[in-house]
Protein backbone atom coordinates (compact mmCIF):
# COMPACT_ATOMS: atom_id res chain seq x y z
CA MET A 1 111.26 40.90 50.88
CA THR A 2 110.44 43.33 53.68
CA ILE A 3 106.95 44.68 54.37
CA ASP A 4 107.09 48.31 53.29
CA ALA A 5 103.76 49.10 54.94
CA HIS A 6 105.47 48.69 58.31
CA SER A 7 108.31 51.09 57.68
CA ALA A 8 109.45 54.20 59.51
CA ASP A 9 107.19 56.25 57.22
CA ALA A 10 104.21 54.42 58.66
CA ALA A 11 104.73 56.16 61.97
CA ALA A 12 104.06 59.52 60.42
CA ASP A 13 101.07 58.15 58.53
CA ALA A 14 99.67 56.73 61.77
CA ALA A 15 100.09 60.04 63.53
CA ASP A 16 98.30 61.87 60.70
CA SER A 17 95.43 59.40 60.78
CA GLY A 18 94.99 59.61 64.53
CA ALA A 19 96.26 56.04 65.10
CA ASP A 20 98.75 55.39 67.91
CA ALA A 21 102.15 56.06 66.35
CA ARG A 22 103.92 53.93 68.97
CA PHE A 23 102.71 50.76 67.21
CA ALA A 24 103.17 51.91 63.60
CA ALA A 25 105.87 49.28 62.94
CA LEU A 26 103.66 46.45 64.20
CA PRO A 27 100.53 44.83 62.80
CA CYS A 28 98.63 45.83 65.96
CA ARG A 29 99.15 46.79 69.57
CA PRO A 30 100.69 43.72 71.25
CA GLY A 31 98.47 41.90 73.69
CA LYS A 32 101.59 40.93 75.60
CA ILE A 33 105.34 41.34 75.35
CA VAL A 34 107.44 38.50 76.72
CA ALA A 35 111.17 39.01 77.21
CA VAL A 36 113.89 36.42 77.74
CA HIS A 37 116.47 36.96 80.50
CA LEU A 38 119.78 35.36 79.47
CA SER A 39 119.85 33.74 76.04
CA TYR A 40 123.24 34.44 74.40
CA ALA A 41 126.38 32.55 75.39
CA SER A 42 128.40 35.79 75.18
CA ARG A 43 126.06 37.53 77.64
CA ALA A 44 126.03 34.52 79.99
CA ALA A 45 129.83 34.53 80.04
CA GLN A 46 129.80 38.26 80.79
CA ARG A 47 127.38 37.76 83.67
CA GLY A 48 129.17 34.70 85.00
CA ARG A 49 126.10 32.48 85.03
CA ARG A 50 124.68 30.13 82.41
CA PRO A 51 121.01 29.13 82.76
CA ASP A 52 119.91 25.56 82.11
CA ALA A 53 116.59 26.69 80.64
CA PRO A 54 115.13 29.97 79.39
CA SER A 55 113.39 32.27 81.86
CA TYR A 56 111.13 35.22 81.12
CA PHE A 57 109.46 38.41 82.26
CA PHE A 58 106.61 40.53 80.88
CA LYS A 59 106.78 44.07 79.59
CA ALA A 60 103.82 46.43 79.26
CA SER A 61 102.61 47.24 75.74
CA SER A 62 102.56 50.88 76.86
CA SER A 63 106.38 50.74 76.85
CA VAL A 64 106.49 50.30 73.06
CA ALA A 65 107.93 53.17 71.01
CA ALA A 66 108.51 53.76 67.31
CA SER A 67 111.82 54.43 65.64
CA GLY A 68 112.94 58.04 65.78
CA GLY A 69 111.51 58.61 69.25
CA VAL A 70 113.05 59.49 72.60
CA VAL A 71 113.35 57.72 75.92
CA GLU A 72 113.48 59.66 79.18
CA ARG A 73 116.00 58.91 81.90
CA PRO A 74 114.02 59.67 85.07
CA ALA A 75 115.22 62.35 87.48
CA GLY A 76 117.54 61.03 90.17
CA THR A 77 118.67 57.92 88.23
CA GLU A 78 121.98 57.03 86.59
CA LEU A 79 121.85 53.49 85.16
CA LEU A 80 119.69 53.47 82.02
CA ALA A 81 121.05 50.71 79.77
CA PHE A 82 120.37 49.61 76.18
CA GLU A 83 119.90 46.02 75.00
CA GLY A 84 119.71 45.42 71.26
CA GLU A 85 117.52 42.37 70.56
CA ILE A 86 115.75 40.35 67.90
CA ALA A 87 111.99 40.73 68.30
CA LEU A 88 109.61 38.03 67.12
CA VAL A 89 106.06 39.07 66.23
CA ILE A 90 103.58 36.21 66.48
CA GLY A 91 101.52 35.69 63.31
CA ARG A 92 99.47 32.59 64.20
CA THR A 93 98.00 31.47 67.50
CA ALA A 94 100.38 29.13 69.28
CA ARG A 95 99.33 26.82 72.10
CA ARG A 96 101.36 23.75 73.03
CA VAL A 97 103.18 23.73 69.70
CA ALA A 98 106.10 21.38 69.05
CA ILE A 99 109.54 22.85 68.58
CA ASP A 100 109.61 21.66 64.96
CA ASP A 101 106.43 23.62 64.19
CA ALA A 102 107.07 26.67 66.37
CA TRP A 103 108.67 28.89 63.72
CA LEU A 104 105.54 28.55 61.56
CA HIS A 105 103.71 30.61 64.20
CA VAL A 106 106.15 33.54 63.97
CA GLY A 107 104.88 36.14 61.51
CA TRP A 108 107.72 38.63 61.44
CA VAL A 109 111.15 39.49 62.78
CA THR A 110 112.40 42.97 63.58
CA ALA A 111 114.70 45.00 65.82
CA SER A 112 114.00 45.98 69.41
CA ASN A 113 115.75 47.78 72.25
CA ASP A 114 114.94 46.26 75.65
CA LEU A 115 115.84 49.37 77.66
CA GLY A 116 116.17 48.97 81.42
CA LEU A 117 116.73 51.18 84.46
CA TYR A 118 119.01 49.35 86.88
CA ASP A 119 118.27 51.94 89.60
CA LEU A 120 114.87 50.25 90.06
CA ARG A 121 115.95 46.63 89.58
CA ALA A 122 116.45 45.85 93.28
CA ALA A 123 113.02 47.28 94.11
CA ASP A 124 111.43 45.04 91.48
CA LYS A 125 112.89 41.90 93.09
CA GLY A 126 113.08 40.13 89.73
CA SER A 127 109.78 41.20 88.19
CA ASN A 128 111.29 44.06 86.09
CA VAL A 129 107.92 45.82 86.27
CA ARG A 130 109.40 49.25 86.95
CA SER A 131 112.95 48.76 85.75
CA LYS A 132 111.84 47.61 82.28
CA GLY A 133 108.27 48.88 82.00
CA GLY A 134 108.72 52.64 81.60
CA ASP A 135 107.16 54.59 78.75
CA GLY A 136 109.39 54.30 75.69
CA PHE A 137 111.43 51.44 77.17
CA THR A 138 110.62 49.06 74.26
CA PRO A 139 111.35 50.65 70.88
CA ILE A 140 110.47 48.23 68.05
CA GLY A 141 110.97 48.45 64.28
CA PRO A 142 111.22 50.21 61.95
CA THR A 143 110.49 47.46 59.38
CA LEU A 144 109.13 43.93 59.70
CA ILE A 145 110.89 41.04 57.95
CA PRO A 146 108.58 38.11 57.13
CA ALA A 147 109.71 35.15 59.23
CA ALA A 148 108.98 32.74 56.36
CA LEU A 149 111.83 34.29 54.38
CA VAL A 150 114.60 33.87 56.94
CA ASP A 151 116.51 31.06 58.60
CA PRO A 152 116.06 31.58 62.36
CA ALA A 153 119.63 30.30 62.83
CA GLY A 154 120.98 32.94 60.43
CA LEU A 155 119.89 36.22 62.01
CA ARG A 156 122.18 38.95 63.32
CA VAL A 157 121.62 41.84 65.72
CA ARG A 158 123.87 44.91 65.99
CA THR A 159 123.71 48.00 68.18
CA TRP A 160 125.42 51.34 67.75
CA VAL A 161 125.70 54.20 70.27
CA ASN A 162 126.53 57.57 68.73
CA GLY A 163 127.72 55.75 65.63
CA ASP A 164 130.06 53.33 67.43
CA LEU A 165 129.30 49.62 67.16
CA ARG A 166 128.67 48.32 70.70
CA GLN A 167 126.95 44.96 70.16
CA GLU A 168 127.06 42.28 67.51
CA GLY A 169 125.55 38.86 67.97
CA SER A 170 124.05 36.15 65.85
CA THR A 171 121.52 33.44 66.53
CA ASP A 172 124.19 30.74 66.26
CA ASP A 173 125.39 32.03 69.69
CA LEU A 174 121.99 31.47 71.32
CA LEU A 175 121.79 29.13 74.29
CA PHE A 176 118.18 28.37 73.32
CA PRO A 177 117.06 28.40 69.65
CA LEU A 178 114.33 30.85 68.74
CA ALA A 179 111.92 28.00 67.99
CA GLN A 180 112.54 26.53 71.46
CA ILE A 181 111.62 29.85 73.08
CA VAL A 182 108.33 30.02 71.17
CA ALA A 183 107.49 26.38 71.89
CA ASP A 184 108.37 26.73 75.57
CA LEU A 185 106.19 29.82 76.02
CA SER A 186 103.30 28.13 74.20
CA GLN A 187 103.24 25.27 76.70
CA HIS A 188 102.47 27.77 79.47
CA PHE A 189 100.02 30.16 77.79
CA THR A 190 98.59 31.02 74.41
CA LEU A 191 100.69 33.22 72.14
CA GLU A 192 98.29 35.31 70.07
CA PRO A 193 98.77 37.18 66.79
CA GLY A 194 100.51 40.48 67.45
CA ASP A 195 102.24 39.30 70.64
CA VAL A 196 105.95 40.17 70.75
CA VAL A 197 108.79 38.02 72.08
CA LEU A 198 112.07 39.80 72.89
CA THR A 199 114.74 37.13 72.58
CA GLY A 200 117.57 38.47 74.75
CA THR A 201 120.69 40.50 74.13
CA PRO A 202 124.30 39.55 73.36
CA ALA A 203 127.29 40.88 75.29
CA GLY A 204 128.02 44.59 75.03
CA SER A 205 124.96 46.16 76.65
CA SER A 206 125.94 49.21 78.68
CA VAL A 207 124.79 52.52 80.16
CA ILE A 208 123.56 55.41 78.06
CA VAL A 209 123.07 59.03 79.07
CA PRO A 210 120.98 61.97 77.86
CA GLY A 211 122.18 63.03 74.41
CA ASP A 212 123.15 59.51 73.33
CA VAL A 213 121.60 58.08 70.15
CA VAL A 214 121.12 54.31 70.04
CA GLU A 215 120.55 52.38 66.81
CA VAL A 216 119.62 48.69 66.57
CA GLU A 217 119.45 46.62 63.39
CA VAL A 218 118.38 43.02 62.84
CA ASP A 219 119.27 41.45 59.52
CA ALA A 220 119.65 38.17 57.67
CA PRO A 221 123.01 38.69 55.90
CA ALA A 222 122.71 35.58 53.76
CA ILE A 223 119.65 36.94 51.95
CA GLY A 224 120.12 40.68 52.40
CA GLN A 225 117.02 41.33 54.51
CA THR A 226 117.11 44.04 57.20
CA SER A 227 114.83 45.66 59.73
CA GLY A 228 116.50 48.99 59.09
CA HIS A 229 117.97 51.03 61.92
CA LEU A 230 115.76 51.43 64.99
CA VAL A 231 116.76 54.85 66.35
CA THR A 232 116.18 56.12 69.90
CA THR A 233 117.55 59.27 71.54
CA VAL A 234 118.03 59.53 75.30
CA VAL A 235 116.77 62.68 76.99
CA ASP A 236 116.46 63.92 80.56
CA GLY A 237 113.07 63.27 82.11
CA PRO A 238 111.22 66.11 83.86
CA ASP A 239 112.65 67.22 87.19
CA ILE A 240 109.99 65.33 89.14
CA PRO A 241 111.48 62.95 91.73
CA PHE A 242 109.87 59.65 92.67
CA ASP A 243 107.61 59.99 95.72
CA ALA A 244 108.83 57.90 98.67
CA ALA A 245 105.33 58.03 100.15
CA LEU A 246 104.04 56.03 97.18
CA GLY A 247 106.66 53.34 96.75
CA SER A 248 110.29 52.35 96.43
CA LEU A 249 112.88 54.90 95.41
CA PRO A 250 115.72 54.35 92.94
CA ALA A 251 118.82 52.86 94.57
CA VAL A 252 122.12 51.69 93.14
CA ASP A 253 125.17 49.90 94.44
CA ASP A 254 128.35 48.64 92.82
CA VAL A 255 126.78 45.29 91.91
CA GLN A 256 124.13 47.09 89.86
CA ARG A 257 126.73 49.46 88.43
CA GLU A 258 128.91 46.58 87.26
CA GLU A 259 125.98 44.75 85.65
CA ALA A 260 124.60 47.90 84.01
CA TRP A 261 127.94 49.02 82.56
CA GLY A 262 128.98 45.47 81.67
CA SER A 263 132.24 45.22 83.62
CA THR A 264 134.05 46.62 86.66
CA GLU A 265 136.33 48.62 84.37
CA ALA A 266 133.49 50.19 82.37
CA ALA A 267 131.68 51.02 85.63
CA GLY A 268 134.74 52.86 86.92
CA LEU A 269 135.35 50.29 89.66
CA ALA A 270 138.90 49.46 90.63
CA ALA A 271 140.09 45.86 90.65
CA ASP A 272 139.16 45.55 94.33
CA GLY A 273 135.67 46.84 93.59
CA VAL A 274 136.06 50.33 95.09
CA SER A 275 134.07 52.76 93.01
CA THR A 276 135.91 55.47 91.13
CA ARG A 277 132.83 56.61 89.23
CA GLY A 278 130.30 58.81 91.00
CA SER A 279 131.08 57.53 94.48
CA ALA A 280 129.13 60.42 95.98
CA ALA A 281 125.98 58.87 94.56
CA ARG A 282 126.38 55.72 96.63
CA SER A 283 123.72 56.86 99.07
CA THR A 284 121.71 59.96 99.70
CA THR A 285 123.28 60.47 103.12
CA GLY A 286 126.77 59.09 102.58
CA GLY A 287 128.10 62.53 101.69
CA THR A 288 127.33 63.68 105.25
CA LEU A 289 130.41 61.87 106.52
CA THR A 290 133.07 64.21 105.17
CA PRO A 291 136.76 63.48 105.82
CA GLN A 292 136.76 66.31 108.35
CA LEU A 293 133.76 64.92 110.24
CA ARG A 294 135.20 61.42 110.13
CA GLU A 295 138.44 62.65 111.69
CA LYS A 296 136.46 64.42 114.38
CA LEU A 297 134.42 61.31 115.15
CA LEU A 298 137.58 59.20 115.35
CA ARG A 299 138.65 61.44 118.25
CA THR A 300 135.26 61.34 119.97
CA PRO A 301 134.44 58.59 122.49
CA VAL A 302 131.16 56.76 122.03
CA ALA A 303 130.26 57.63 125.62
CA ALA A 304 130.57 61.32 124.84
CA LEU A 305 128.39 60.97 121.76
CA SER A 306 125.81 59.09 123.82
CA GLN A 307 125.71 61.92 126.34
CA GLN A 308 125.23 64.56 123.67
CA LEU A 309 122.50 62.63 121.89
CA ARG A 310 120.73 62.11 125.23
CA THR A 311 120.68 65.88 125.85
CA ARG A 312 118.89 66.13 122.48
CA GLY A 313 116.26 63.58 123.49
CA LEU A 314 117.77 60.55 121.76
CA ASN A 315 118.22 57.57 124.06
CA ALA A 316 117.52 54.58 121.79
CA VAL A 317 120.68 54.93 119.72
CA THR A 318 123.04 52.30 121.13
CA ILE A 319 123.45 48.88 119.53
CA ASP A 320 123.32 46.73 122.63
CA GLY A 321 124.73 43.27 123.25
CA VAL A 322 127.68 43.50 120.84
CA ARG A 323 131.37 43.51 121.74
CA PRO A 324 134.39 44.35 119.56
CA LEU A 325 136.89 41.79 118.33
CA HIS A 326 139.43 44.65 118.36
CA PRO A 327 138.66 46.86 121.40
CA ALA A 328 141.53 49.22 120.62
CA GLN A 329 140.23 49.98 117.11
CA LYS A 330 137.82 52.82 116.44
CA LEU A 331 134.92 52.26 114.06
CA VAL A 332 133.47 55.14 112.03
CA GLY A 333 131.40 54.79 108.85
CA THR A 334 127.99 54.98 107.21
CA ALA A 335 125.56 52.09 107.55
CA LYS A 336 124.88 49.56 104.80
CA THR A 337 122.17 47.32 106.17
CA LEU A 338 121.51 43.58 105.87
CA ARG A 339 118.44 41.87 107.30
CA PHE A 340 118.04 38.24 108.35
CA VAL A 341 114.65 36.77 109.21
CA PRO A 342 114.13 33.74 111.48
CA GLY A 343 115.15 30.45 109.97
CA ARG A 344 112.45 28.50 108.16
CA GLU A 345 113.38 25.57 105.95
CA ASP A 346 111.23 26.43 102.94
CA LEU A 347 112.31 30.08 102.98
CA PHE A 348 115.95 29.16 103.32
CA ALA A 349 115.54 26.89 100.30
CA SER A 350 114.20 29.79 98.24
CA HIS A 351 116.33 32.64 99.64
CA GLY A 352 119.37 31.10 101.29
CA GLY A 353 121.22 29.74 98.28
CA GLY A 354 122.73 31.33 95.20
CA TYR A 355 123.53 35.02 95.14
CA ASN A 356 121.52 35.74 98.27
CA ALA A 357 121.09 38.98 100.20
CA GLN A 358 124.08 38.26 102.45
CA LYS A 359 126.43 37.82 99.50
CA ARG A 360 125.02 40.87 97.73
CA ALA A 361 125.61 43.05 100.78
CA PHE A 362 129.24 42.02 101.15
CA ASP A 363 129.88 42.31 97.41
CA ALA A 364 128.37 45.79 97.27
CA VAL A 365 129.67 47.40 100.47
CA GLY A 366 131.61 50.54 99.64
CA GLU A 367 134.65 52.23 101.02
CA GLY A 368 133.90 53.74 104.42
CA GLU A 369 130.62 51.84 104.86
CA VAL A 370 129.73 49.63 107.83
CA ILE A 371 127.72 46.46 107.20
CA VAL A 372 125.10 46.44 109.97
CA ILE A 373 123.27 43.12 110.31
CA GLU A 374 119.88 42.50 111.86
CA ALA A 375 119.97 39.04 113.43
CA ARG A 376 117.38 39.72 116.18
CA GLY A 377 120.02 39.18 118.87
CA GLU A 378 120.11 35.50 117.91
CA ALA A 379 123.72 34.35 118.30
CA GLY A 380 122.93 30.66 117.79
CA SER A 381 124.57 30.58 114.37
CA GLY A 382 127.06 32.62 112.39
CA THR A 383 125.97 35.64 110.37
CA LEU A 384 129.36 35.92 108.67
CA GLY A 385 132.67 34.10 108.54
CA ASP A 386 136.20 34.65 107.36
CA VAL A 387 135.44 34.69 103.61
CA LEU A 388 132.86 37.45 103.93
CA ALA A 389 135.09 39.40 106.31
CA ILE A 390 137.90 39.19 103.77
CA ARG A 391 135.54 40.48 101.08
CA ALA A 392 134.48 43.44 103.23
CA HIS A 393 138.11 44.21 104.07
CA ALA A 394 139.11 44.03 100.39
CA ARG A 395 136.41 46.54 99.54
CA HIS A 396 137.72 48.91 102.22
CA ALA A 397 134.59 48.69 104.36
CA ALA A 398 134.89 50.55 107.66
CA GLY A 399 133.66 47.55 109.65
CA ILE A 400 130.90 45.08 110.45
CA VAL A 401 128.31 45.14 113.25
CA THR A 402 126.05 42.13 113.88
CA ASP A 403 123.79 41.35 116.80
CA GLY A 404 124.21 37.68 115.81
CA GLY A 405 127.14 35.29 115.90
CA VAL A 406 130.41 35.10 113.97
CA ARG A 407 131.90 31.86 112.63
CA ASP A 408 135.64 31.31 112.26
CA ILE A 409 136.08 34.00 114.87
CA ASP A 410 139.85 33.63 115.21
CA ALA A 411 140.28 33.94 111.45
CA VAL A 412 137.89 36.91 111.30
CA THR A 413 139.81 38.60 114.12
CA ALA A 414 143.09 38.04 112.30
CA ILE A 415 141.79 39.84 109.19
CA GLY A 416 141.89 43.06 111.17
CA ILE A 417 138.65 44.72 110.06
CA PRO A 418 136.66 46.16 113.01
CA VAL A 419 133.90 43.68 113.89
CA TYR A 420 131.29 43.92 116.66
CA THR A 421 129.33 40.76 117.42
CA ALA A 422 127.11 39.10 120.00
CA GLY A 423 129.59 36.22 120.18
CA ALA A 424 131.18 33.27 118.43
CA HIS A 425 129.22 30.32 117.08
CA PRO A 426 130.27 27.49 114.76
CA ALA A 427 126.92 26.86 113.06
CA VAL A 428 126.16 27.93 109.51
CA LEU A 429 123.57 30.54 108.57
CA GLY A 430 120.64 28.23 107.85
CA ARG A 431 120.39 26.98 111.43
CA LYS A 432 118.78 30.19 112.68
CA HIS A 433 118.64 32.76 109.88
CA VAL A 434 117.42 33.38 106.33
CA PRO A 435 119.18 36.21 104.42
CA TRP A 436 116.31 38.41 103.34
CA ASP A 437 117.03 41.99 102.28
CA VAL A 438 119.67 44.69 101.94
CA ASP A 439 119.64 48.49 102.15
CA VAL A 440 116.45 48.67 104.22
CA THR A 441 115.69 50.01 107.67
CA ILE A 442 116.57 47.33 110.22
CA ALA A 443 116.72 46.70 113.97
CA CYS A 444 120.14 45.77 115.35
CA GLY A 445 120.87 45.33 119.03
CA GLY A 446 117.61 46.99 120.03
CA THR A 447 117.91 50.15 117.94
CA THR A 448 116.76 51.19 114.51
CA VAL A 449 119.41 51.62 111.81
CA GLN A 450 118.78 53.16 108.43
CA PRO A 451 121.08 53.02 105.40
CA GLY A 452 123.37 56.06 105.58
CA ASP A 453 123.19 56.46 109.37
CA ILE A 454 126.59 57.16 110.89
CA ILE A 455 127.95 54.29 112.97
CA VAL A 456 130.62 54.89 115.62
CA GLY A 457 132.15 52.18 117.80
CA ASP A 458 134.88 51.81 120.40
CA ALA A 459 135.57 49.60 123.42
CA ASP A 460 132.39 50.90 125.10
CA GLY A 461 130.13 49.77 122.27
CA VAL A 462 128.42 51.04 119.13
CA ILE A 463 126.19 54.06 118.66
CA VAL A 464 123.99 55.20 115.77
CA VAL A 465 124.28 58.92 114.99
CA PRO A 466 121.59 60.51 112.79
CA PRO A 467 123.51 62.15 109.91
CA HIS A 468 121.87 65.54 110.33
CA LEU A 469 123.09 65.73 113.95
CA ALA A 470 126.56 64.28 113.49
CA GLU A 471 128.56 67.48 113.11
CA GLU A 472 126.73 69.17 115.96
CA VAL A 473 127.07 66.33 118.47
CA ALA A 474 130.70 65.59 117.55
CA THR A 475 131.69 69.21 118.12
CA ALA A 476 129.79 69.36 121.42
CA ALA A 477 131.18 66.00 122.54
CA LEU A 478 134.79 67.04 121.93
CA ALA A 479 134.20 70.25 123.87
CA GLN A 480 132.74 68.23 126.73
CA GLU A 481 135.70 65.84 126.60
CA ASP A 482 138.07 68.77 126.99
CA GLU A 483 136.10 70.00 129.97
CA ASP A 484 135.93 66.54 131.55
CA GLY A 485 139.67 66.12 131.07
CA TRP A 486 140.32 69.39 132.96
CA ILE A 487 138.02 68.25 135.78
CA ALA A 488 139.79 64.87 135.97
CA ALA A 489 143.12 66.66 136.29
CA ARG A 490 141.80 68.73 139.20
CA VAL A 491 140.48 65.62 140.95
CA ALA A 492 143.87 63.99 140.48
CA GLU A 493 145.43 67.01 142.21
CA GLY A 494 143.33 66.19 145.27
CA HIS A 495 140.31 68.47 144.89
CA PRO A 496 136.95 67.07 146.07
CA ILE A 497 134.33 66.21 143.48
CA ASP A 498 131.58 68.25 145.11
CA GLY A 499 131.29 71.56 143.25
CA LEU A 500 133.78 70.43 140.62
CA PHE A 501 131.73 67.77 138.86
CA PRO A 502 129.55 69.33 137.67
CA MET A 503 131.36 72.64 137.97
CA ASN A 504 129.93 75.39 140.14
CA THR A 505 130.37 79.07 139.28
CA GLU A 506 133.80 79.31 140.89
CA TRP A 507 135.21 76.29 139.14
CA ARG A 508 133.60 77.33 135.84
CA ALA A 509 135.39 80.65 136.03
CA ALA A 510 138.68 78.88 136.73
CA TYR A 511 138.14 76.57 133.77
CA GLU A 512 137.34 79.43 131.39
CA ALA A 513 140.40 81.31 132.60
CA SER A 514 142.61 78.29 131.92
CA ARG A 515 141.15 77.93 128.41
CA GLU A 516 141.75 81.61 127.71
CA GLY A 517 145.34 81.25 128.87
CA ALA A 518 145.82 78.24 126.63
CA ARG A 519 144.50 80.13 123.60
CA ARG A 520 147.04 82.92 124.20
């Protein structure tokens, strides 16, 4: 039977008595909450990776919420996702218990919702402290089922959003049995009475928005036991943005969108990965490069932009030491940054393999973005090759700029995407570089580049244009180009340069008269 004392009604009783209503469905406030990453075969298939052993993260007990409550989606974020899960509540102290005895240490089973904010996942770098630790991000309840009454291989979890069934999984789909998870955790630290273990979510997790109502139920169909429906409503958080002076800001890319929504289709991404959902949210500055400004910059020589930025006191804006593979092609786009640090064998072992920063950058680059790579001017190994160039081209990136080397340079050139590089080199990445971070401020070719900066390149080289100045300097540069073209024509007619370049009063008057005549 279920324990009626830990029902939804207990929350109201706790509130009336002055107890903390967040923990009304539990025997006490958990000392710790341990959550499993990937545990269901259906979820592993969805994510395209199958772990060999369970892995975990901690959640704060302050994130617990009772059924019937709300969860806030913070201002400036978009990827709050639900994860219906089976929660185990420890009833007896467990330390180095055998797998055959582990279930005896579980007191109760109930429903949980392991809510997560993918906008903060990259900043957490795997810890999930911020992305999973927010207030209200761990609803649990409403009713506890005694573990002694159920077969741990016969449990089911289901999740509904606004009445529609979104998730259904059973413990016979688990990669790691529930008893194994308890035994594994107990060999690393003591599980104490009241601790909670969140056992992972099946396929079907996706994004929820303010106004959505999420319900999770855990039951044992064979014996008719149920946790009841754990109900949570999503609301908008207060209009208080995160403070950049204090820490990392929310940031999303198409990789996070795909994982949060569950698929490229659900995320509104086309088959080639180009976003069709909320593309304006890709970066805070990306919207600065309007189609009209882009067209204007395509007509503006880099030399002219350099001159205009210099008149405004900006000299350190050229990416030096790089040359184009396609000198006749113009490059215009917003920066997506990738940082390499100097090669070190132990760091390459921990950061160079798997889905590293380099792969993430090329998988997430958006239409019209330029991948700008910090390689410290070290061209002694490749920073990309033909496969990555193909990926960037398929995602409609505007181009690639690296102050390091390029492998497979003939093949990269043949792909046709604009690429600026310090030169060709056959060596692989690990010889000189460790892929370290994406979407951070970097140094490339002696100048600072921030995500969202406007990058313009031609046969003369590459320049970084601060977004807030782009329209102004492009307009001024085109006007200067018109003037310089008129001067060049006069020199070609045989006029001396003195007094013409720069123009004296007489020549200025002649130029203005010619412009007026052209406008008529």
